[in-house]
Amino acid sequence: MNVLILGSGGREHAFAWKIAQSKQLENLYIAPGNAGTALCGTNVAIQVNDFEAIKKLVWEKGIDLVLVGPEDPLVNGIHDFFLNDDVLKDVAVIGPKKDGALIEGSKDFSKRLMEKYKIPTASFMSFTKNNLEEGYKFLETLKPPYVLKADGLAAGKGVLILDDLNEAKTELKNMLLDAKFGNASATVVIEEFLHGIELSVFVLTDGKSYKILPAAKDYKRIGEGDKGLNTGGMGAVSPVAFADKDFIKKVEEKVVIPTINGLRSEGIDYRGFIFVGLMNCNGEPFVIEYNCRMGDPETEVVIPRIKSDLLDLLDGVAKQTLHEKTFEVINETATTVVLVSGGYPEDYEKGKVVKGLDSIKESQVFHSGTILKNDEVLTSGGRVFAITSFSNSIEGAVNKSMKAAQQIQYDKKYYRKDIGQDLINWKN
């Protein structure tokens, strides 16, 4: 098969690294890719939302399957674009059509889906500028902290968690009346705050059958001890100590099955990944959010733990034969530590020369924000690398990732040194 992966981050490098191992692969293209994906296939300088340029590439290279990494092109309807085009309609696209991508593209849609199909989640109400006063009154019925979510995509910045009622009311006004997050906050979901510990469960589905992929826990804050600003993710661990077989069974019965059946009942033919952001509340799973794609950096620990041929699984998704595919997982622990640019997640400099990559022997380095220039690897993003390691223990895997993190050098490098430490001595 000839395969095209859309995206340029660590998630896409992990996909490319895994698919490059498939016996079914003929040629692999990544658009636009990064310095790491160039080691697995051919990078093509096309942006993920340039549908016409993607069409031309797919036609010229005889692409059989397109794996969509990020959410933007899915929410913008790339799958529908393929289906509605005579040239592209028979090309397999892994990722939902526009109606399915609403599980991430609209918080209101996803919450109403959960409510309708009795999927456990925090109680909520949605508001627009036309019923702002009702929003104020609903906030008064809740206990702090107060959770405000912009309905649409807001580049990961559309969720506010506030301790003060008056501040929550002010921010609700800012979102609805002053368009704090643009059109994304034309509708705002207010929900109760869930107390527990977060994790992510990933599902691959062909719309009928499904495979539950390894669970992971990521670390979102820039500072050690989970302090400081939110980021795209500073590291991840899989498996998760507090997500044992009994808990995952609950997730399957109370969340996964009702979600897939609910989407089908809504007339949505969903083929691709579902990211389920969960809160473990005293042993019970509650859904925080859905995403219509894999998470990053969780992909960098989840995909390496899959022993099966990923391309074969994706082919099963496209042909709705996923139930026929064998699915095996490596039992070892995988950890990833993310190296970022100095200043991230605020202003940061690009173009820093990277040294030491060739010295890494015990870990897999996934590139997140890099480019190749004159045979040198340069930084080009806030998150630069995700260093993934395996061991029989969290300590062993983390130690390998930390060793590699020290070996990689570029100006103003930063990474958290406490990834996985909270799980090492986990007691239920």
Protein backbone atom coordinates (compact mmCIF):
# COMPACT_ATOMS: atom_id res chain seq x y z
CA MET A 1 0.00 0.00 0.00
CA ASN A 2 0.99 3.61 -0.59
CA VAL A 3 0.22 5.64 2.51
CA LEU A 4 -0.02 9.36 3.27
CA ILE A 5 0.12 10.68 6.83
CA LEU A 6 -1.10 14.24 7.40
CA GLY A 7 0.60 16.23 10.16
CA SER A 8 3.98 17.36 11.44
CA GLY A 9 4.23 16.50 15.14
CA GLY A 10 5.41 13.74 17.43
CA ARG A 11 2.14 11.89 16.91
CA GLU A 12 2.75 11.76 13.16
CA HIS A 13 6.37 10.65 13.61
CA ALA A 14 5.16 7.81 15.86
CA PHE A 15 2.62 6.79 13.20
CA ALA A 16 5.26 6.95 10.47
CA TRP A 17 7.78 4.96 12.54
CA LYS A 18 5.24 2.21 13.19
CA ILE A 19 3.74 2.06 9.68
CA ALA A 20 7.25 1.95 8.14
CA GLN A 21 7.62 -1.45 9.83
CA SER A 22 4.60 -2.93 8.00
CA LYS A 23 5.14 -5.61 5.35
CA GLN A 24 2.10 -4.21 3.55
CA LEU A 25 3.76 -0.82 2.97
CA GLU A 26 5.17 0.16 -0.40
CA ASN A 27 5.69 3.93 -0.14
CA LEU A 28 5.13 6.30 2.78
CA TYR A 29 4.57 10.05 2.46
CA ILE A 30 4.14 12.59 5.25
CA ALA A 31 2.70 16.07 4.70
CA PRO A 32 4.26 18.27 5.84
CA GLY A 33 6.23 16.06 8.25
CA ASN A 34 9.39 16.97 10.18
CA ALA A 35 13.05 15.97 10.40
CA GLY A 36 12.07 12.73 12.14
CA THR A 37 9.40 11.61 9.69
CA ALA A 38 11.96 12.09 6.91
CA LEU A 39 13.75 9.05 8.35
CA CYS A 40 10.62 6.90 7.82
CA GLY A 41 9.33 8.10 4.45
CA THR A 42 9.16 11.08 2.11
CA ASN A 43 8.14 14.49 3.44
CA VAL A 44 6.01 16.64 1.16
CA ALA A 45 5.68 20.40 1.79
CA ILE A 46 1.88 20.51 1.85
CA GLN A 47 -0.17 21.87 4.75
CA VAL A 48 -2.89 19.70 6.31
CA ASN A 49 -5.77 21.99 5.30
CA ASP A 50 -4.70 22.44 1.67
CA PHE A 51 -7.19 19.90 0.35
CA GLU A 52 -6.58 20.62 -3.35
CA ALA A 53 -2.82 20.12 -3.00
CA ILE A 54 -3.45 16.92 -1.04
CA LYS A 55 -5.76 15.71 -3.83
CA LYS A 56 -3.01 16.31 -6.41
CA LEU A 57 -0.47 14.41 -4.30
CA VAL A 58 -2.82 11.47 -3.72
CA TRP A 59 -3.50 11.22 -7.46
CA GLU A 60 0.15 11.54 -8.52
CA LYS A 61 1.53 9.06 -5.97
CA GLY A 62 -1.29 6.51 -6.18
CA ILE A 63 -2.08 6.80 -2.48
CA ASP A 64 -4.28 3.97 -1.14
CA LEU A 65 -4.78 5.17 2.44
CA VAL A 66 -4.63 8.56 4.18
CA LEU A 67 -4.11 8.71 7.95
CA VAL A 68 -5.17 12.11 9.33
CA GLY A 69 -3.15 13.06 12.41
CA PRO A 70 -4.52 16.40 13.71
CA GLU A 71 -8.12 17.42 14.35
CA ASP A 72 -8.27 20.55 12.17
CA PRO A 73 -8.60 18.89 8.74
CA LEU A 74 -11.12 16.40 10.16
CA VAL A 75 -13.32 19.13 11.64
CA ASN A 76 -12.93 21.01 8.33
CA GLY A 77 -14.23 17.98 6.44
CA ILE A 78 -11.30 16.36 4.66
CA HIS A 79 -12.95 12.93 4.75
CA ASP A 80 -16.11 14.39 3.17
CA PHE A 81 -13.91 16.13 0.56
CA PHE A 82 -12.51 12.74 -0.47
CA LEU A 83 -15.92 11.04 -0.59
CA ASN A 84 -17.41 13.82 -2.71
CA ASP A 85 -14.60 13.77 -5.29
CA ASP A 86 -14.66 11.32 -8.19
CA VAL A 87 -10.86 11.04 -8.16
CA LEU A 88 -10.57 10.45 -4.40
CA LYS A 89 -13.76 8.66 -3.36
CA ASP A 90 -12.20 5.18 -3.31
CA VAL A 91 -9.15 6.25 -1.27
CA ALA A 92 -9.38 5.12 2.36
CA VAL A 93 -9.34 7.94 4.92
CA ILE A 94 -8.65 7.11 8.57
CA GLY A 95 -10.46 9.75 10.57
CA PRO A 96 -14.16 10.61 10.87
CA LYS A 97 -16.23 12.66 8.47
CA LYS A 98 -17.31 16.14 9.54
CA ASP A 99 -20.35 14.86 11.44
CA GLY A 100 -18.20 12.48 13.51
CA ALA A 101 -15.47 15.06 14.09
CA LEU A 102 -18.07 17.10 15.99
CA ILE A 103 -17.22 15.00 19.05
CA GLU A 104 -14.16 17.25 19.26
CA GLY A 105 -15.30 20.20 17.16
CA SER A 106 -18.27 20.95 19.43
CA LYS A 107 -18.20 20.48 23.20
CA ASP A 108 -21.96 21.01 23.25
CA PHE A 109 -22.51 18.22 20.70
CA SER A 110 -20.28 15.78 22.60
CA LYS A 111 -21.92 16.53 25.97
CA ARG A 112 -25.40 16.07 24.51
CA LEU A 113 -24.27 12.78 22.96
CA MET A 114 -23.09 11.61 26.39
CA GLU A 115 -26.32 12.76 28.00
CA LYS A 116 -28.53 11.06 25.40
CA TYR A 117 -26.73 7.72 25.57
CA LYS A 118 -26.22 7.78 29.37
CA ILE A 119 -22.43 7.96 29.21
CA PRO A 120 -21.10 9.11 32.62
CA THR A 121 -19.90 12.73 32.56
CA ALA A 122 -20.09 15.90 34.63
CA SER A 123 -23.48 17.66 34.77
CA PHE A 124 -23.55 20.64 32.41
CA MET A 125 -25.52 23.33 30.61
CA SER A 126 -24.70 25.28 27.43
CA PHE A 127 -25.17 29.03 26.97
CA THR A 128 -24.97 31.70 24.28
CA LYS A 129 -25.00 35.50 24.49
CA ASN A 130 -28.81 35.32 24.33
CA ASN A 131 -29.09 33.63 27.73
CA LEU A 132 -26.05 35.00 29.54
CA GLU A 133 -28.06 35.78 32.68
CA GLU A 134 -29.15 32.14 32.89
CA GLY A 135 -25.48 31.24 32.70
CA TYR A 136 -24.77 33.43 35.72
CA LYS A 137 -27.56 31.71 37.64
CA PHE A 138 -26.30 28.24 36.71
CA LEU A 139 -22.82 29.15 37.98
CA GLU A 140 -24.40 30.10 41.31
CA THR A 141 -25.77 26.55 41.68
CA LEU A 142 -22.30 25.01 41.38
CA LYS A 143 -19.50 24.62 43.89
CA PRO A 144 -16.05 25.92 42.95
CA PRO A 145 -13.94 25.41 40.96
CA TYR A 146 -16.02 26.45 37.94
CA VAL A 147 -15.36 24.88 34.53
CA LEU A 148 -16.03 26.95 31.38
CA LYS A 149 -15.44 25.38 27.96
CA ALA A 150 -15.59 27.12 24.59
CA ASP A 151 -17.78 24.99 22.33
CA GLY A 152 -15.45 25.01 19.31
CA LEU A 153 -11.76 24.42 18.66
CA ALA A 154 -9.61 27.01 20.41
CA ALA A 155 -6.08 25.65 19.91
CA GLY A 156 -6.20 23.91 23.29
CA LYS A 157 -6.86 27.16 25.17
CA GLY A 158 -10.66 27.15 25.36
CA VAL A 159 -11.07 25.59 28.82
CA LEU A 160 -11.02 27.77 31.95
CA ILE A 161 -11.06 26.40 35.50
CA LEU A 162 -11.72 29.17 38.03
CA ASP A 163 -12.04 29.23 41.81
CA ASP A 164 -13.88 32.54 42.19
CA LEU A 165 -17.58 32.90 41.24
CA ASN A 166 -17.31 36.54 40.19
CA GLU A 167 -14.27 35.78 38.04
CA ALA A 168 -16.19 32.90 36.45
CA LYS A 169 -19.06 35.26 35.61
CA THR A 170 -16.65 37.80 34.14
CA GLU A 171 -14.95 35.17 31.99
CA LEU A 172 -18.32 33.84 30.82
CA LYS A 173 -19.18 37.36 29.66
CA ASN A 174 -15.74 37.70 28.00
CA MET A 175 -16.26 34.45 26.12
CA LEU A 176 -19.83 35.06 24.98
CA LEU A 177 -20.02 38.82 24.48
CA ASP A 178 -16.40 39.77 23.78
CA ALA A 179 -15.51 36.65 21.75
CA LYS A 180 -12.47 35.83 23.90
CA PHE A 181 -11.88 32.70 21.80
CA GLY A 182 -13.47 34.03 18.61
CA ASN A 183 -16.29 31.97 17.11
CA ALA A 184 -15.21 29.02 19.25
CA SER A 185 -16.83 30.64 22.30
CA ALA A 186 -20.10 31.71 20.65
CA THR A 187 -21.46 28.86 22.77
CA VAL A 188 -19.98 28.03 26.18
CA VAL A 189 -20.46 24.80 28.12
CA ILE A 190 -20.44 25.20 31.90
CA GLU A 191 -19.99 21.98 33.84
CA GLU A 192 -19.40 20.75 37.35
CA PHE A 193 -15.80 20.08 38.37
CA LEU A 194 -14.88 16.40 38.66
CA HIS A 195 -12.54 15.30 41.44
CA GLY A 196 -10.20 12.43 40.64
CA ILE A 197 -7.17 11.57 38.53
CA GLU A 198 -7.05 11.91 34.75
CA LEU A 199 -6.13 9.37 32.12
CA SER A 200 -6.67 8.83 28.42
CA VAL A 201 -8.15 5.75 26.76
CA PHE A 202 -7.88 5.35 22.99
CA VAL A 203 -10.21 3.42 20.73
CA LEU A 204 -9.77 2.41 17.10
CA THR A 205 -13.11 1.73 15.41
CA ASP A 206 -14.48 0.93 11.97
CA GLY A 207 -17.90 2.17 13.04
CA LYS A 208 -19.08 -1.27 14.09
CA SER A 209 -16.29 -3.13 15.87
CA TYR A 210 -13.44 -1.64 17.90
CA LYS A 211 -10.08 -2.25 19.54
CA ILE A 212 -9.28 -0.60 22.87
CA LEU A 213 -5.68 0.60 22.67
CA PRO A 214 -3.38 0.95 25.71
CA ALA A 215 -4.38 3.61 28.25
CA ALA A 216 -1.99 6.46 29.07
CA LYS A 217 -1.54 9.33 31.47
CA ASP A 218 -0.05 12.59 30.24
CA TYR A 219 1.44 15.58 32.05
CA LYS A 220 0.02 18.87 30.85
CA ARG A 221 1.68 21.57 32.98
CA ILE A 222 5.05 23.11 32.16
CA GLY A 223 6.41 22.90 35.72
CA GLU A 224 7.36 19.95 37.88
CA GLY A 225 4.73 18.91 40.38
CA ASP A 226 2.10 19.84 37.77
CA LYS A 227 2.56 23.56 38.32
CA GLY A 228 2.56 26.46 35.88
CA LEU A 229 0.93 26.98 32.51
CA ASN A 230 -0.85 24.31 30.50
CA THR A 231 1.06 22.93 27.52
CA GLY A 232 0.36 20.48 24.73
CA GLY A 233 1.86 17.83 27.01
CA MET A 234 5.24 17.36 28.69
CA GLY A 235 5.31 13.57 28.89
CA ALA A 236 3.24 10.41 29.16
CA VAL A 237 3.21 6.93 30.70
CA SER A 238 1.51 3.70 29.58
CA PRO A 239 0.11 1.52 31.10
CA VAL A 240 -1.51 3.43 33.97
CA ALA A 241 -1.32 1.98 37.49
CA PHE A 242 -4.83 3.08 38.47
CA ALA A 243 -6.43 1.75 35.27
CA ASP A 244 -6.41 -2.00 35.90
CA LYS A 245 -8.43 -4.62 33.98
CA ASP A 246 -11.54 -4.03 36.10
CA PHE A 247 -11.45 -0.28 35.50
CA ILE A 248 -10.89 -0.68 31.74
CA LYS A 249 -13.80 -3.15 31.68
CA LYS A 250 -15.98 -0.41 33.20
CA VAL A 251 -14.70 2.02 30.58
CA GLU A 252 -15.58 -0.46 27.83
CA GLU A 253 -19.09 -1.15 29.13
CA LYS A 254 -20.05 2.35 30.31
CA VAL A 255 -18.19 4.51 27.77
CA VAL A 256 -16.77 2.78 24.69
CA ILE A 257 -19.73 0.60 23.69
CA PRO A 258 -22.39 3.30 24.32
CA THR A 259 -20.28 5.86 22.43
CA ILE A 260 -19.84 3.71 19.31
CA ASN A 261 -23.47 2.56 19.39
CA GLY A 262 -24.60 6.14 20.01
CA LEU A 263 -22.69 7.48 17.03
CA ARG A 264 -24.17 4.74 14.85
CA SER A 265 -27.67 5.51 16.16
CA GLU A 266 -27.10 9.14 15.14
CA GLY A 267 -26.37 7.97 11.60
CA ILE A 268 -22.65 8.72 11.92
CA ASP A 269 -20.30 6.30 10.14
CA TYR A 270 -17.25 6.83 12.34
CA ARG A 271 -13.98 5.27 11.14
CA GLY A 272 -10.83 6.21 12.99
CA PHE A 273 -9.51 6.93 16.46
CA ILE A 274 -11.53 8.15 19.42
CA PHE A 275 -9.56 9.74 22.24
CA VAL A 276 -11.54 9.46 25.48
CA GLY A 277 -10.32 11.86 28.16
CA LEU A 278 -11.40 10.33 31.45
CA MET A 279 -11.47 11.10 35.15
CA ASN A 280 -11.13 8.17 37.51
CA CYS A 281 -13.47 9.23 40.31
CA ASN A 282 -13.11 6.68 43.13
CA GLY A 283 -12.83 3.83 40.65
CA GLU A 284 -15.61 5.02 38.32
CA PRO A 285 -14.90 6.45 34.84
CA PHE A 286 -16.36 9.85 33.90
CA VAL A 287 -15.78 11.34 30.45
CA ILE A 288 -14.16 14.79 30.41
CA GLU A 289 -13.97 15.07 26.64
CA TYR A 290 -13.69 13.25 23.34
CA ASN A 291 -11.16 13.94 20.63
CA CYS A 292 -11.54 12.69 17.06
CA ARG A 293 -7.86 11.68 16.76
CA MET A 294 -4.98 10.37 18.84
CA GLY A 295 -3.46 12.55 21.54
CA ASP A 296 0.07 13.92 21.66
CA PRO A 297 2.34 12.95 23.46
CA GLU A 298 0.23 9.91 24.43
CA THR A 299 0.58 8.51 20.91
CA GLU A 300 4.31 8.26 21.52
CA VAL A 301 3.74 5.68 24.29
CA VAL A 302 0.55 4.03 23.00
CA ILE A 303 1.57 3.24 19.40
CA PRO A 304 4.99 1.76 20.34
CA ARG A 305 3.19 -0.63 22.73
CA ILE A 306 1.11 -2.09 19.88
CA LYS A 307 2.77 -5.32 18.73
CA SER A 308 0.37 -5.84 15.79
CA ASP A 309 0.82 -4.40 12.30
CA LEU A 310 -0.74 -0.91 12.52
CA LEU A 311 -1.25 -0.64 8.77
CA ASP A 312 -3.15 -3.93 8.78
CA LEU A 313 -5.39 -2.58 11.56
CA LEU A 314 -6.00 0.66 9.62
CA ASP A 315 -6.88 -1.35 6.52
CA GLY A 316 -9.42 -3.17 8.69
CA VAL A 317 -10.90 0.17 9.72
CA ALA A 318 -11.24 1.27 6.11
CA LYS A 319 -12.85 -2.01 4.99
CA GLN A 320 -14.87 -2.51 8.22
CA THR A 321 -13.08 -5.80 8.90
CA LEU A 322 -11.39 -4.65 12.11
CA HIS A 323 -13.07 -7.48 14.05
CA GLU A 324 -11.06 -9.97 11.97
CA LYS A 325 -7.70 -8.45 12.86
CA THR A 326 -5.46 -9.74 15.62
CA PHE A 327 -4.49 -7.16 18.19
CA GLU A 328 -1.58 -7.64 20.59
CA VAL A 329 0.06 -5.27 23.06
CA ILE A 330 3.57 -5.26 24.53
CA ASN A 331 3.32 -5.72 28.30
CA GLU A 332 6.29 -3.52 29.18
CA THR A 333 5.94 0.05 30.43
CA ALA A 334 6.56 2.88 27.99
CA THR A 335 7.34 6.43 29.07
CA THR A 336 7.96 9.53 27.00
CA VAL A 337 9.66 12.73 28.11
CA VAL A 338 9.08 15.84 26.02
CA LEU A 339 11.91 18.30 25.31
CA VAL A 340 10.68 21.83 24.63
CA SER A 341 12.05 25.18 23.54
CA GLY A 342 13.00 27.71 26.20
CA GLY A 343 10.03 29.97 26.97
CA TYR A 344 7.38 27.46 25.86
CA PRO A 345 4.34 27.53 26.11
CA GLU A 346 4.71 31.31 25.73
CA ASP A 347 7.11 33.01 23.30
CA TYR A 348 10.06 30.87 22.25
CA GLU A 349 12.85 31.01 19.69
CA LYS A 350 13.17 28.66 16.71
CA GLY A 351 16.11 27.60 14.56
CA LYS A 352 18.32 26.19 17.35
CA VAL A 353 20.84 23.59 16.11
CA VAL A 354 20.32 20.13 17.65
CA LYS A 355 23.26 17.90 18.58
CA GLY A 356 23.54 14.43 20.11
CA LEU A 357 20.73 12.58 18.34
CA ASP A 358 23.11 9.93 17.00
CA SER A 359 24.22 9.04 20.53
CA ILE A 360 20.78 7.76 21.61
CA LYS A 361 20.85 3.96 21.74
CA GLU A 362 18.24 2.80 24.31
CA SER A 363 15.33 5.11 23.44
CA GLN A 364 13.26 6.08 20.41
CA VAL A 365 13.34 9.83 19.73
CA PHE A 366 10.17 11.11 18.10
CA HIS A 367 10.48 14.56 16.52
CA SER A 368 7.72 17.04 17.36
CA GLY A 369 9.01 20.40 16.20
CA THR A 370 12.05 20.06 13.94
CA ILE A 371 13.13 20.78 10.38
CA LEU A 372 16.09 19.69 8.27
CA LYS A 373 18.27 22.45 6.86
CA ASN A 374 21.64 21.88 5.20
CA ASP A 375 21.82 18.40 6.77
CA GLU A 376 21.32 19.86 10.25
CA VAL A 377 18.32 19.31 12.53
CA LEU A 378 16.90 22.63 13.76
CA THR A 379 14.15 23.33 16.28
CA SER A 380 10.94 24.66 14.73
CA GLY A 381 8.31 24.36 17.45
CA GLY A 382 7.53 24.68 21.14
CA ARG A 383 7.67 20.95 21.71
CA VAL A 384 10.77 19.63 19.98
CA PHE A 385 11.20 15.92 20.85
CA ALA A 386 9.37 13.13 22.66
CA ILE A 387 11.82 10.54 23.99
CA THR A 388 10.16 7.13 24.42
CA SER A 389 11.70 4.25 26.36
CA PHE A 390 10.64 0.76 27.44
CA SER A 391 11.31 -1.18 30.63
CA ASN A 392 9.66 -3.62 33.02
CA SER A 393 9.12 -0.70 35.40
CA ILE A 394 8.26 2.99 35.23
CA GLU A 395 11.56 3.80 36.95
CA GLY A 396 13.56 1.88 34.35
CA ALA A 397 11.77 3.47 31.40
CA VAL A 398 11.95 6.99 32.82
CA ASN A 399 15.65 6.63 33.62
CA LYS A 400 16.37 5.70 29.99
CA SER A 401 14.36 8.70 28.72
CA MET A 402 16.11 11.03 31.14
CA LYS A 403 19.53 9.77 30.06
CA ALA A 404 18.64 10.47 26.43
CA ALA A 405 17.22 13.89 27.35
CA GLN A 406 20.62 14.82 28.77
CA GLN A 407 22.44 13.64 25.64
CA ILE A 408 20.36 15.74 23.22
CA GLN A 409 21.65 19.31 23.13
CA TYR A 410 20.21 22.61 21.86
CA ASP A 411 20.13 26.13 23.26
CA LYS A 412 17.59 26.71 26.09
CA LYS A 413 16.43 23.08 26.17
CA TYR A 414 13.90 22.32 28.91
CA TYR A 415 12.12 19.19 30.13
CA ARG A 416 10.32 18.00 33.25
CA LYS A 417 12.31 15.62 35.43
CA ASP A 418 9.32 14.23 37.35
CA ILE A 419 7.42 12.41 34.57
CA GLY A 420 5.91 9.20 35.99
CA GLN A 421 7.11 9.82 39.54
CA ASP A 422 3.53 10.07 40.85
CA LEU A 423 2.79 6.58 39.51
CA ILE A 424 5.89 4.76 40.75
CA ASN A 425 4.54 4.22 44.29
CA TRP A 426 0.85 4.41 43.33
CA LYS A 427 -1.52 3.01 45.95
CA ASN A 428 -5.23 2.72 45.24
